[in-house]
Amino acid sequence: MHYPEERIRFILADAGIRLLLTQSDSHAYVQHLFDPLINVDEAAPVIGQQPLSRPPIAVTPSELAYMMYTSGTTGTPKGVLISPSSRCASYLPALLPVLAALGYRSISIKYFF
């Protein structure tokens, strides 16, 4: 599924994205919207050579884990900030298929490491 270009541009600017990760099925659609851009499918061999252990970065519960965009009540995307201690952060993997089944189509996530 492809979102309107205007929406993608808004989210990229609003979130202050500095690097966009994409996959082969979306790469052609977004390559003209942002630079730098990394296609993770093409980078898989290099990514696969990286250590499986977590990087030695201390994260406190009050820091920002990621930002999730919803459609917003006005039609303008709205970013919701989620901390690592949020229950939403721990339930996100299970929540996404449920939201999709309910017909929600616009969820964008920005992770902070």
N, C-alpha and C. Protein backbone atom coordinates (compact mmCIF):
# COMPACT_ATOMS: atom_id res chain seq x y z
N MET A 1 0.84 -1.18 0.00
CA MET A 1 0.00 0.00 0.00
C MET A 1 0.88 1.24 0.00
N HIS A 2 0.52 2.19 -0.82
CA HIS A 2 1.27 3.44 -0.88
C HIS A 2 0.38 4.57 -0.38
N TYR A 3 0.96 5.39 0.47
CA TYR A 3 0.25 6.55 1.02
C TYR A 3 0.48 7.74 0.09
N PRO A 4 -0.40 8.74 0.18
CA PRO A 4 -0.21 9.93 -0.65
C PRO A 4 1.16 10.56 -0.36
N GLU A 5 1.79 11.04 -1.42
CA GLU A 5 3.12 11.64 -1.30
C GLU A 5 3.13 12.79 -0.30
N GLU A 6 2.08 13.58 -0.29
CA GLU A 6 1.99 14.72 0.63
C GLU A 6 2.05 14.25 2.09
N ARG A 7 1.39 13.14 2.39
CA ARG A 7 1.40 12.58 3.75
C ARG A 7 2.81 12.12 4.14
N ILE A 8 3.46 11.42 3.22
CA ILE A 8 4.82 10.93 3.50
C ILE A 8 5.77 12.10 3.73
N ARG A 9 5.69 13.10 2.87
CA ARG A 9 6.56 14.27 3.03
C ARG A 9 6.30 14.96 4.38
N PHE A 10 5.04 15.08 4.77
CA PHE A 10 4.71 15.71 6.04
C PHE A 10 5.33 14.95 7.20
N ILE A 11 5.17 13.63 7.22
CA ILE A 11 5.68 12.80 8.31
C ILE A 11 7.21 12.86 8.37
N LEU A 12 7.87 12.78 7.21
CA LEU A 12 9.33 12.85 7.18
C LEU A 12 9.82 14.17 7.76
N ALA A 13 9.17 15.27 7.39
CA ALA A 13 9.57 16.58 7.90
C ALA A 13 9.21 16.74 9.38
N ASP A 14 8.01 16.35 9.74
CA ASP A 14 7.54 16.51 11.12
C ASP A 14 8.38 15.71 12.10
N ALA A 15 8.77 14.51 11.71
CA ALA A 15 9.54 13.63 12.60
C ALA A 15 11.03 13.96 12.59
N GLY A 16 11.48 14.78 11.67
CA GLY A 16 12.89 15.12 11.61
C GLY A 16 13.75 13.93 11.18
N ILE A 17 13.23 13.13 10.27
CA ILE A 17 13.94 11.94 9.80
C ILE A 17 15.27 12.33 9.16
N ARG A 18 16.35 11.64 9.53
CA ARG A 18 17.66 11.88 8.94
C ARG A 18 18.13 10.74 8.05
N LEU A 19 17.49 9.57 8.16
CA LEU A 19 17.82 8.41 7.35
C LEU A 19 16.54 7.59 7.21
N LEU A 20 16.21 7.23 5.98
CA LEU A 20 14.98 6.47 5.73
C LEU A 20 15.35 5.06 5.31
N LEU A 21 14.81 4.08 6.01
CA LEU A 21 14.98 2.67 5.66
C LEU A 21 13.75 2.23 4.90
N THR A 22 13.96 1.50 3.81
CA THR A 22 12.84 1.04 3.01
C THR A 22 13.10 -0.40 2.57
N GLN A 23 12.14 -0.99 1.90
CA GLN A 23 12.26 -2.34 1.36
C GLN A 23 12.07 -2.28 -0.15
N SER A 24 12.44 -3.34 -0.84
CA SER A 24 12.39 -3.36 -2.30
C SER A 24 11.02 -2.99 -2.86
N ASP A 25 9.95 -3.46 -2.23
CA ASP A 25 8.62 -3.20 -2.77
C ASP A 25 8.19 -1.74 -2.63
N SER A 26 8.87 -0.95 -1.80
CA SER A 26 8.54 0.46 -1.62
C SER A 26 9.64 1.40 -2.10
N HIS A 27 10.80 0.85 -2.39
CA HIS A 27 11.96 1.69 -2.70
C HIS A 27 11.71 2.65 -3.86
N ALA A 28 11.20 2.16 -4.97
CA ALA A 28 10.98 3.01 -6.13
C ALA A 28 9.97 4.12 -5.83
N TYR A 29 9.01 3.82 -4.98
CA TYR A 29 7.97 4.80 -4.65
C TYR A 29 8.50 5.96 -3.82
N VAL A 30 9.47 5.69 -2.93
CA VAL A 30 9.94 6.75 -2.02
C VAL A 30 11.32 7.29 -2.34
N GLN A 31 12.03 6.71 -3.31
CA GLN A 31 13.41 7.12 -3.53
C GLN A 31 13.56 8.59 -3.91
N HIS A 32 12.55 9.18 -4.54
CA HIS A 32 12.63 10.60 -4.90
C HIS A 32 12.17 11.51 -3.77
N LEU A 33 11.66 10.93 -2.68
CA LEU A 33 11.15 11.73 -1.56
C LEU A 33 12.18 12.05 -0.50
N PHE A 34 13.25 11.24 -0.43
CA PHE A 34 14.17 11.42 0.68
C PHE A 34 15.56 10.91 0.33
N ASP A 35 16.56 11.57 0.89
CA ASP A 35 17.94 11.13 0.78
C ASP A 35 18.63 11.51 2.09
N PRO A 36 19.34 10.64 2.76
CA PRO A 36 19.76 9.31 2.37
C PRO A 36 18.66 8.27 2.59
N LEU A 37 18.73 7.25 1.77
CA LEU A 37 17.75 6.17 1.75
C LEU A 37 18.50 4.85 1.66
N ILE A 38 18.14 3.89 2.51
CA ILE A 38 18.76 2.57 2.48
C ILE A 38 17.68 1.53 2.24
N ASN A 39 17.89 0.71 1.21
CA ASN A 39 17.01 -0.41 0.93
C ASN A 39 17.52 -1.59 1.75
N VAL A 40 16.80 -1.99 2.79
CA VAL A 40 17.29 -3.04 3.69
C VAL A 40 17.38 -4.40 3.01
N ASP A 41 16.59 -4.63 1.96
CA ASP A 41 16.70 -5.89 1.23
C ASP A 41 18.06 -5.97 0.54
N GLU A 42 18.48 -4.87 -0.07
CA GLU A 42 19.78 -4.84 -0.74
C GLU A 42 20.93 -4.85 0.27
N ALA A 43 20.70 -4.27 1.44
CA ALA A 43 21.74 -4.20 2.46
C ALA A 43 21.78 -5.44 3.35
N ALA A 44 20.89 -6.42 3.09
CA ALA A 44 20.79 -7.61 3.95
C ALA A 44 22.12 -8.33 4.16
N PRO A 45 22.95 -8.52 3.12
CA PRO A 45 24.23 -9.20 3.37
C PRO A 45 25.12 -8.47 4.38
N VAL A 46 25.17 -7.16 4.30
CA VAL A 46 25.97 -6.37 5.23
C VAL A 46 25.33 -6.38 6.62
N ILE A 47 24.01 -6.23 6.67
CA ILE A 47 23.30 -6.25 7.95
C ILE A 47 23.49 -7.60 8.62
N GLY A 48 23.46 -8.69 7.84
CA GLY A 48 23.61 -10.03 8.38
C GLY A 48 24.97 -10.31 8.99
N GLN A 49 25.96 -9.50 8.68
CA GLN A 49 27.30 -9.66 9.23
C GLN A 49 27.48 -8.93 10.56
N GLN A 50 26.48 -8.18 10.97
CA GLN A 50 26.59 -7.40 12.21
C GLN A 50 26.35 -8.29 13.42
N PRO A 51 26.90 -7.91 14.57
CA PRO A 51 26.69 -8.70 15.80
C PRO A 51 25.20 -8.79 16.14
N LEU A 52 24.79 -9.90 16.72
CA LEU A 52 23.40 -10.08 17.12
C LEU A 52 23.12 -9.46 18.48
N SER A 53 24.16 -9.10 19.22
CA SER A 53 23.98 -8.51 20.54
C SER A 53 23.51 -7.06 20.42
N ARG A 54 22.85 -6.60 21.45
CA ARG A 54 22.39 -5.21 21.48
C ARG A 54 23.59 -4.28 21.61
N PRO A 55 23.50 -3.11 20.99
CA PRO A 55 24.59 -2.14 21.15
C PRO A 55 24.65 -1.68 22.62
N PRO A 56 25.83 -1.32 23.09
CA PRO A 56 25.95 -0.90 24.50
C PRO A 56 25.45 0.53 24.73
N ILE A 57 24.15 0.71 24.61
CA ILE A 57 23.54 2.03 24.79
C ILE A 57 22.56 1.93 25.96
N ALA A 58 22.76 2.80 26.93
CA ALA A 58 21.85 2.81 28.08
C ALA A 58 20.59 3.60 27.73
N VAL A 59 19.45 3.00 27.97
CA VAL A 59 18.17 3.66 27.71
C VAL A 59 17.38 3.67 29.00
N THR A 60 16.90 4.85 29.37
CA THR A 60 16.09 4.96 30.58
C THR A 60 14.61 4.93 30.20
N PRO A 61 13.75 4.55 31.15
CA PRO A 61 12.31 4.48 30.86
C PRO A 61 11.69 5.80 30.43
N SER A 62 12.32 6.91 30.77
CA SER A 62 11.73 8.21 30.42
C SER A 62 12.12 8.70 29.03
N GLU A 63 13.05 8.02 28.36
CA GLU A 63 13.47 8.44 27.03
C GLU A 63 12.44 8.02 25.98
N LEU A 64 12.57 8.59 24.82
CA LEU A 64 11.65 8.29 23.73
C LEU A 64 12.08 7.01 23.02
N ALA A 65 11.15 6.08 22.84
CA ALA A 65 11.45 4.83 22.14
C ALA A 65 11.11 4.97 20.65
N TYR A 66 9.94 5.49 20.35
CA TYR A 66 9.55 5.69 18.96
C TYR A 66 8.36 6.63 18.89
N MET A 67 8.07 7.06 17.67
CA MET A 67 6.94 7.93 17.40
C MET A 67 6.04 7.19 16.42
N MET A 68 4.76 7.11 16.73
CA MET A 68 3.81 6.43 15.87
C MET A 68 2.85 7.48 15.30
N TYR A 69 2.66 7.46 14.00
CA TYR A 69 1.75 8.42 13.37
C TYR A 69 0.39 7.78 13.12
N THR A 70 -0.64 8.53 13.44
CA THR A 70 -2.01 8.12 13.16
C THR A 70 -2.58 9.11 12.16
N SER A 71 -3.78 8.88 11.70
CA SER A 71 -4.37 9.79 10.72
C SER A 71 -4.74 11.12 11.35
N GLY A 72 -4.96 11.17 12.64
CA GLY A 72 -5.35 12.42 13.29
C GLY A 72 -6.81 12.74 13.01
N THR A 73 -7.46 13.39 13.93
CA THR A 73 -8.88 13.69 13.77
C THR A 73 -9.13 14.76 12.71
N THR A 74 -8.11 15.54 12.38
CA THR A 74 -8.28 16.60 11.38
C THR A 74 -7.87 16.14 9.99
N GLY A 75 -7.37 14.92 9.88
CA GLY A 75 -6.88 14.43 8.60
C GLY A 75 -5.39 14.66 8.42
N THR A 76 -4.81 15.48 9.28
CA THR A 76 -3.37 15.71 9.27
C THR A 76 -2.72 14.66 10.15
N PRO A 77 -1.65 13.99 9.69
CA PRO A 77 -0.99 12.98 10.52
C PRO A 77 -0.58 13.54 11.87
N LYS A 78 -0.76 12.74 12.89
CA LYS A 78 -0.43 13.16 14.26
C LYS A 78 0.57 12.17 14.84
N GLY A 79 1.72 12.69 15.29
CA GLY A 79 2.74 11.84 15.90
C GLY A 79 2.48 11.65 17.37
N VAL A 80 2.51 10.42 17.84
CA VAL A 80 2.32 10.09 19.24
C VAL A 80 3.65 9.54 19.76
N LEU A 81 4.19 10.16 20.81
CA LEU A 81 5.49 9.76 21.36
C LEU A 81 5.31 8.62 22.35
N ILE A 82 6.13 7.57 22.21
CA ILE A 82 6.03 6.39 23.06
C ILE A 82 7.36 6.16 23.76
N SER A 83 7.34 6.04 25.08
CA SER A 83 8.56 5.79 25.85
C SER A 83 8.77 4.29 26.01
N PRO A 84 10.02 3.86 26.32
CA PRO A 84 10.28 2.43 26.49
C PRO A 84 9.44 1.81 27.62
N SER A 85 9.08 2.60 28.61
CA SER A 85 8.32 2.06 29.72
C SER A 85 6.82 1.97 29.44
N SER A 86 6.40 2.53 28.31
CA SER A 86 4.99 2.50 27.96
C SER A 86 4.53 1.08 27.68
N ARG A 87 3.35 0.76 28.13
CA ARG A 87 2.79 -0.56 27.82
C ARG A 87 2.60 -0.71 26.32
N CYS A 88 2.35 0.41 25.66
CA CYS A 88 2.19 0.36 24.21
C CYS A 88 3.46 -0.14 23.54
N ALA A 89 4.62 0.26 24.07
CA ALA A 89 5.89 -0.17 23.48
C ALA A 89 6.03 -1.69 23.54
N SER A 90 5.59 -2.29 24.62
CA SER A 90 5.74 -3.74 24.75
C SER A 90 4.64 -4.51 24.01
N TYR A 91 3.53 -3.86 23.73
CA TYR A 91 2.43 -4.54 23.04
C TYR A 91 2.41 -4.28 21.54
N LEU A 92 3.28 -3.41 21.05
CA LEU A 92 3.23 -3.02 19.64
C LEU A 92 3.28 -4.21 18.69
N PRO A 93 4.18 -5.18 18.86
CA PRO A 93 4.20 -6.29 17.90
C PRO A 93 2.86 -7.01 17.78
N ALA A 94 2.14 -7.15 18.86
CA ALA A 94 0.84 -7.82 18.81
C ALA A 94 -0.26 -6.87 18.34
N LEU A 95 -0.08 -5.59 18.56
CA LEU A 95 -1.10 -4.60 18.25
C LEU A 95 -1.23 -4.34 16.75
N LEU A 96 -0.14 -4.35 16.01
CA LEU A 96 -0.18 -3.99 14.60
C LEU A 96 -1.11 -4.87 13.76
N PRO A 97 -1.08 -6.20 13.89
CA PRO A 97 -2.02 -7.02 13.11
C PRO A 97 -3.48 -6.77 13.49
N VAL A 98 -3.71 -6.48 14.75
CA VAL A 98 -5.08 -6.20 15.20
C VAL A 98 -5.58 -4.91 14.56
N LEU A 99 -4.74 -3.87 14.57
CA LEU A 99 -5.13 -2.60 13.95
C LEU A 99 -5.39 -2.78 12.46
N ALA A 100 -4.54 -3.56 11.81
CA ALA A 100 -4.74 -3.82 10.38
C ALA A 100 -6.06 -4.55 10.13
N ALA A 101 -6.38 -5.52 10.97
CA ALA A 101 -7.63 -6.26 10.82
C ALA A 101 -8.85 -5.37 11.03
N LEU A 102 -8.68 -4.33 11.84
CA LEU A 102 -9.77 -3.39 12.10
C LEU A 102 -9.89 -2.32 11.02
N GLY A 103 -9.00 -2.37 10.04
CA GLY A 103 -9.09 -1.44 8.93
C GLY A 103 -8.21 -0.22 9.04
N TYR A 104 -7.39 -0.10 10.10
CA TYR A 104 -6.47 1.02 10.20
C TYR A 104 -5.37 0.83 9.18
N ARG A 105 -5.14 1.85 8.37
CA ARG A 105 -4.17 1.71 7.30
C ARG A 105 -2.97 2.61 7.48
N SER A 106 -3.03 3.60 8.31
CA SER A 106 -1.92 4.55 8.36
C SER A 106 -1.25 4.59 9.72
N ILE A 107 -0.26 3.77 9.85
CA ILE A 107 0.56 3.76 11.06
C ILE A 107 1.99 3.86 10.61
N SER A 108 2.67 4.90 11.04
CA SER A 108 4.08 5.10 10.72
C SER A 108 4.82 5.18 12.02
N ILE A 109 5.99 4.56 12.09
CA ILE A 109 6.73 4.47 13.33
C ILE A 109 8.13 4.99 13.13
N LYS A 110 8.60 5.81 14.07
CA LYS A 110 9.98 6.26 14.08
C LYS A 110 10.62 5.72 15.34
N TYR A 111 11.69 4.96 15.21
CA TYR A 111 12.39 4.41 16.37
C TYR A 111 13.57 5.29 16.72
N PHE A 112 13.83 5.44 18.02
CA PHE A 112 14.98 6.19 18.51
C PHE A 112 15.91 5.23 19.24
N PHE A 113 17.16 5.20 18.86
CA PHE A 113 18.12 4.31 19.50
C PHE A 113 19.23 5.11 20.14
